[in-house]
C-alpha cells in the first residue's frame, strides 16, 4: 500500500509498520525502512511514480528496531543511499545486543493483536535487525542535509536514540514510534506511546511527549496507525491521557 498523505510525502506500509517517502527537488529521502520484506514495495512504488533507486539519496531512521531498519542496509548497498540515525542507537542498528525493555512480552500474549503483529513481522523478515554496516549519525536539533531537510528531535524512551523528523516548512512531524496511533500489541487506537514491552524506558517515553507536544506541526505521521491531523499538542495531550499499556 502507498498513498500521498501530504504534498511530496507518501506513506508506504506492508502491514504493521509505516515508512515514508519524501520528495524534494527531484530527489528522495525515506524516513524509516519498514521490514526487509518491504523492499519490493519500495521498488514497485518508485516505478509507479516514474522514479528508480537512482533517485534515493538517504534513509533517515527514527530508531533502531527491526520493523523500522528493515531494508536500510540493502538501500545503502544497492541504491548507495546514506543511512542516518541518532548516535545513541548507532550500535543497536549495527547489530549490538539491545537494552532490556520496561516489561516482558508475556502479558500481551493474551491479545490477538500481538499474534497478528508478530506473525506479520516474522513473515516479512522483521523479527530481528539486519545489521547496517555504515551509518551517519545526527544529534538532537540537527537539520539533516538530505532531501526534505528534516530536523531531528530526540524523543527517547522507546529506544535510547528514538527521534522524530520535523518538516518545519510543511508543519509535519514523522514520529516513528515516539507517538503511535495504533498499538501493535493491544490493538488500542488513538495517540499513545508504544507498549511497555517494546520500550526501554516507558516513563521516559511519556516524558518525551512534552517535547513532541511543543513542535510546530499540524500533521503527525506515525510508524504505526493512520495520520493524525489535530496537531502535535493535542496528540501529546491525548497520549498522556491514554497512559502506558
Protein backbone atom coordinates (compact mmCIF):
# COMPACT_ATOMS: atom_id res chain seq x y z
CA UNK A 1 0.00 0.00 0.00
CA UNK A 2 1.14 3.53 -0.70
CA UNK A 3 -0.68 6.85 -0.61
CA UNK A 4 0.18 10.54 -0.68
CA UNK A 5 -0.57 11.95 2.79
CA UNK A 6 0.71 15.47 2.09
CA UNK A 7 2.25 17.16 -0.95
CA UNK A 8 5.52 15.38 -1.64
CA UNK A 9 5.05 12.93 1.27
CA UNK A 10 3.95 9.36 0.63
CA UNK A 11 3.09 6.72 3.23
CA UNK A 12 4.10 3.14 2.45
CA UNK A 13 3.03 0.14 4.50
CA UNK A 14 3.25 -3.60 4.06
CA UNK A 15 1.03 -4.19 7.06
CA UNK A 16 2.09 -3.43 10.63
CA UNK A 17 4.51 -0.54 10.18
CA UNK A 18 4.67 2.60 8.06
CA UNK A 19 7.61 4.23 6.36
CA UNK A 20 7.58 7.45 4.37
CA UNK A 21 8.92 8.74 1.08
CA UNK A 22 9.82 12.45 0.93
CA UNK A 23 10.25 14.08 -2.47
CA UNK A 24 12.24 17.30 -2.74
CA UNK A 25 13.78 18.81 -5.85
CA UNK A 26 13.54 15.56 -7.77
CA UNK A 27 15.39 13.62 -5.07
CA UNK A 28 14.06 11.24 -2.40
CA UNK A 29 14.60 10.59 1.30
CA UNK A 30 12.97 7.71 3.14
CA UNK A 31 12.04 8.11 6.78
CA UNK A 32 12.39 4.58 8.16
CA UNK A 33 12.81 1.41 6.14
CA UNK A 34 10.00 -0.94 7.14
CA UNK A 35 10.90 -4.61 7.27
CA UNK A 36 13.28 -6.43 4.90
CA UNK A 37 10.24 -7.76 3.06
CA UNK A 38 9.08 -4.22 2.25
CA UNK A 39 11.92 -3.72 -0.24
CA UNK A 40 9.72 -4.89 -3.11
CA UNK A 41 7.02 -2.39 -2.06
CA UNK A 42 9.58 0.41 -2.22
CA UNK A 43 10.85 -0.61 -5.67
CA UNK A 44 7.32 -1.04 -7.00
CA UNK A 45 6.22 2.34 -5.62
CA UNK A 46 9.20 4.12 -7.14
CA UNK A 47 8.37 2.59 -10.50
CA UNK A 48 4.73 3.67 -10.28
CA UNK A 49 5.94 7.23 -9.55
CA UNK A 50 8.24 7.17 -12.55
CA UNK A 51 11.28 7.02 -10.28
CA UNK A 52 14.02 4.49 -9.58
CA UNK A 53 16.53 3.58 -6.89
CA UNK A 54 18.91 6.08 -8.50
CA UNK A 55 16.66 8.85 -7.11
CA UNK A 56 17.02 7.66 -3.50
CA UNK A 57 19.60 9.76 -1.64
CA UNK A 58 19.09 8.86 2.02
CA UNK A 59 17.29 6.83 4.67
CA UNK A 60 16.65 8.60 7.99
CA UNK A 61 15.85 6.12 10.76
CA UNK A 62 13.72 7.23 13.70
CA UNK A 63 15.11 4.44 15.87
CA UNK A 64 16.82 1.05 15.75
CA UNK A 65 14.02 -1.51 15.80
CA UNK A 66 13.80 -4.19 13.15
CA UNK A 67 10.42 -3.03 11.77
CA UNK A 68 11.97 0.38 11.03
CA UNK A 69 15.53 -0.50 9.99
CA UNK A 70 14.32 -3.38 7.74
CA UNK A 71 15.85 -2.87 4.31
CA UNK A 72 18.16 0.04 5.24
CA UNK A 73 21.31 -1.98 4.61
CA UNK A 74 20.01 -3.03 1.19
CA UNK A 75 19.22 0.61 0.38
CA UNK A 76 22.76 1.50 1.41
CA UNK A 77 24.40 -1.17 -0.76
CA UNK A 78 22.02 -1.35 -3.75
CA UNK A 79 20.93 2.29 -4.01
CA UNK A 80 24.06 3.84 -2.47
CA UNK A 81 21.80 5.73 -0.06
CA UNK A 82 23.28 7.24 3.10
CA UNK A 83 21.66 5.88 6.25
CA UNK A 84 21.22 8.22 9.23
CA UNK A 85 20.30 7.52 12.88
CA UNK A 86 20.67 9.19 16.27
CA UNK A 87 24.05 8.39 17.78
CA UNK A 88 22.52 6.69 20.83
CA UNK A 89 21.02 4.00 18.57
CA UNK A 90 24.02 3.53 16.27
CA UNK A 91 25.41 0.39 17.84
CA UNK A 92 21.99 -1.23 18.14
CA UNK A 93 21.44 -0.59 14.41
CA UNK A 94 24.77 -2.26 13.70
CA UNK A 95 23.58 -5.39 15.49
CA UNK A 96 24.62 -4.87 19.12
CA UNK A 97 22.51 -6.51 21.82
CA UNK A 98 19.67 -4.16 22.82
CA UNK A 99 18.92 -2.99 26.35
CA UNK A 100 16.23 -4.76 28.36
CA UNK A 101 12.73 -3.36 27.91
CA UNK A 102 10.49 -1.97 30.63
CA UNK A 103 8.32 -5.11 30.60
CA UNK A 104 8.25 -8.56 29.09
CA UNK A 105 6.04 -9.60 26.20
CA UNK A 106 4.24 -12.35 28.13
CA UNK A 107 1.31 -10.22 29.32
CA UNK A 108 0.45 -9.27 25.73
CA UNK A 109 0.13 -12.84 24.52
CA UNK A 110 -3.50 -12.97 25.61
CA UNK A 111 -4.19 -10.41 22.86
CA UNK A 112 -4.99 -11.47 19.29
CA UNK A 113 -3.37 -8.24 18.05
CA UNK A 114 0.00 -9.30 19.45
CA UNK A 115 -0.09 -12.53 17.45
CA UNK A 116 -1.14 -10.70 14.28
CA UNK A 117 1.77 -8.32 14.65
CA UNK A 118 4.38 -10.94 15.49
CA UNK A 119 3.29 -13.25 12.67
CA UNK A 120 3.22 -10.40 10.14
CA UNK A 121 6.69 -9.20 11.12
CA UNK A 122 8.12 -12.72 11.04
CA UNK A 123 6.73 -13.39 7.56
CA UNK A 124 8.39 -10.21 6.27
CA UNK A 125 11.74 -10.79 7.97
CA UNK A 126 11.14 -8.17 10.64
CA UNK A 127 11.77 -10.31 13.72
CA UNK A 128 15.39 -9.16 14.09
CA UNK A 129 17.60 -6.37 12.83
CA UNK A 130 19.59 -6.76 9.64
CA UNK A 131 22.82 -5.05 10.77
CA UNK A 132 23.69 -1.82 8.96
CA UNK A 133 27.41 -1.75 8.25
CA UNK A 134 27.86 2.00 7.81
CA UNK A 135 25.84 4.78 9.42
CA UNK A 136 25.87 8.54 9.68
CA UNK A 137 24.61 9.95 12.97
CA UNK A 138 22.62 13.04 13.85
CA UNK A 139 22.19 14.94 17.11
CA UNK A 140 19.14 16.47 18.76
CA UNK A 141 18.01 19.56 16.88
CA UNK A 142 20.14 18.90 13.82
CA UNK A 143 18.76 19.69 10.38
CA UNK A 144 19.89 16.71 8.32
CA UNK A 145 21.37 17.58 4.95
CA UNK A 146 19.20 15.26 2.85
CA UNK A 147 16.23 15.91 0.53
CA UNK A 148 13.41 17.43 2.57
CA UNK A 149 15.88 18.67 5.22
CA UNK A 150 14.11 17.13 8.23
CA UNK A 151 15.09 18.42 11.67
CA UNK A 152 15.81 15.59 14.09
CA UNK A 153 14.28 15.94 17.56
CA UNK A 154 15.42 13.45 20.21
CA UNK A 155 12.44 11.83 21.97
CA UNK A 156 13.93 8.88 23.89
CA UNK A 157 12.12 6.16 25.78
CA UNK A 158 11.07 3.73 23.10
CA UNK A 159 14.79 3.32 22.45
CA UNK A 160 17.72 5.35 23.74
CA UNK A 161 18.05 7.22 20.46
CA UNK A 162 14.39 7.42 19.44
CA UNK A 163 13.79 10.62 17.48
CA UNK A 164 11.16 12.30 15.36
CA UNK A 165 11.69 14.03 12.00
CA UNK A 166 10.21 17.52 11.77
CA UNK A 167 9.49 19.05 8.37
CA UNK A 168 9.24 22.61 9.63
CA UNK A 169 8.26 24.28 6.36
CA UNK A 170 5.41 21.77 5.90
CA UNK A 171 4.35 21.65 9.59
CA UNK A 172 4.62 17.86 9.56
CA UNK A 173 6.30 15.59 12.10
CA UNK A 174 7.12 11.95 11.37
CA UNK A 175 7.01 10.41 14.82
CA UNK A 176 8.41 6.91 14.31
CA UNK A 177 7.30 5.14 17.49
CA UNK A 178 7.53 8.14 19.85
CA UNK A 179 3.80 8.59 19.22
CA UNK A 180 1.74 5.76 17.74
CA UNK A 181 -1.86 5.83 16.52
CA UNK A 182 -2.27 2.06 16.75
CA UNK A 183 -0.89 -0.21 19.45
CA UNK A 184 0.69 -3.22 17.72
CA UNK A 185 0.35 -5.47 20.78
CA UNK A 186 -3.06 -4.50 22.19
CA UNK A 187 -4.88 -3.01 19.20
CA UNK A 188 -5.71 0.21 21.06
CA UNK A 189 -6.35 3.16 18.72
CA UNK A 190 -5.52 6.84 19.13
CA UNK A 191 -2.39 8.77 20.16
CA UNK A 192 -0.26 6.84 22.65
CA UNK A 193 3.25 5.76 23.39
CA UNK A 194 4.26 2.24 22.45
CA UNK A 195 3.54 -0.63 24.88
CA UNK A 196 5.96 -1.10 27.79
CA UNK A 197 7.04 -4.46 26.40
CA UNK A 198 8.63 -2.60 23.48
CA UNK A 199 10.11 0.40 25.35
CA UNK A 200 13.49 0.61 27.05
CA UNK A 201 12.05 3.24 29.42
CA UNK A 202 8.31 3.82 29.44
CA UNK A 203 8.50 6.70 31.94
CA UNK A 204 10.96 8.47 29.67
CA UNK A 205 8.76 7.81 26.64
CA UNK A 206 5.91 9.56 28.45
CA UNK A 207 8.18 12.47 29.38
CA UNK A 208 9.23 12.84 25.73
CA UNK A 209 5.63 13.69 24.87
CA UNK A 210 6.31 17.18 26.26
CA UNK A 211 8.97 17.65 23.59
CA UNK A 212 6.69 16.41 20.82
CA UNK A 213 3.75 18.50 22.01
CA UNK A 214 5.79 21.67 21.66
CA UNK A 215 6.64 21.07 18.00
CA UNK A 216 5.12 23.34 15.31
CA UNK A 217 3.29 20.58 13.47
CA UNK A 218 -0.31 20.19 12.32
CA UNK A 219 0.08 16.70 10.83
CA UNK A 220 1.61 13.70 12.62
CA UNK A 221 2.71 10.70 10.59
CA UNK A 222 3.31 7.71 12.90
CA UNK A 223 5.17 4.45 12.48
CA UNK A 224 2.01 2.59 13.45
CA UNK A 225 -1.50 3.71 12.59
CA UNK A 226 -3.09 6.39 10.45
CA UNK A 227 -2.11 10.07 10.14
CA UNK A 228 -3.22 12.46 12.88
CA UNK A 229 -4.47 15.87 11.71
CA UNK A 230 -5.29 17.63 15.01
CA UNK A 231 -1.75 18.84 15.71
CA UNK A 232 1.21 17.86 17.85
CA UNK A 233 -0.02 19.48 21.06
CA UNK A 234 -3.33 17.60 21.03
CA UNK A 235 -1.64 14.33 20.11
CA UNK A 236 0.73 14.66 23.08
CA UNK A 237 -2.15 15.51 25.41
CA UNK A 238 -4.17 12.52 24.25
CA UNK A 239 -1.16 10.19 24.50
CA UNK A 240 -0.51 11.29 28.08
CA UNK A 241 -4.16 10.70 28.93
CA UNK A 242 -4.02 7.23 27.40
CA UNK A 243 -1.00 6.34 29.54
CA UNK A 244 1.15 3.21 29.31
CA UNK A 245 -0.01 -0.18 28.13
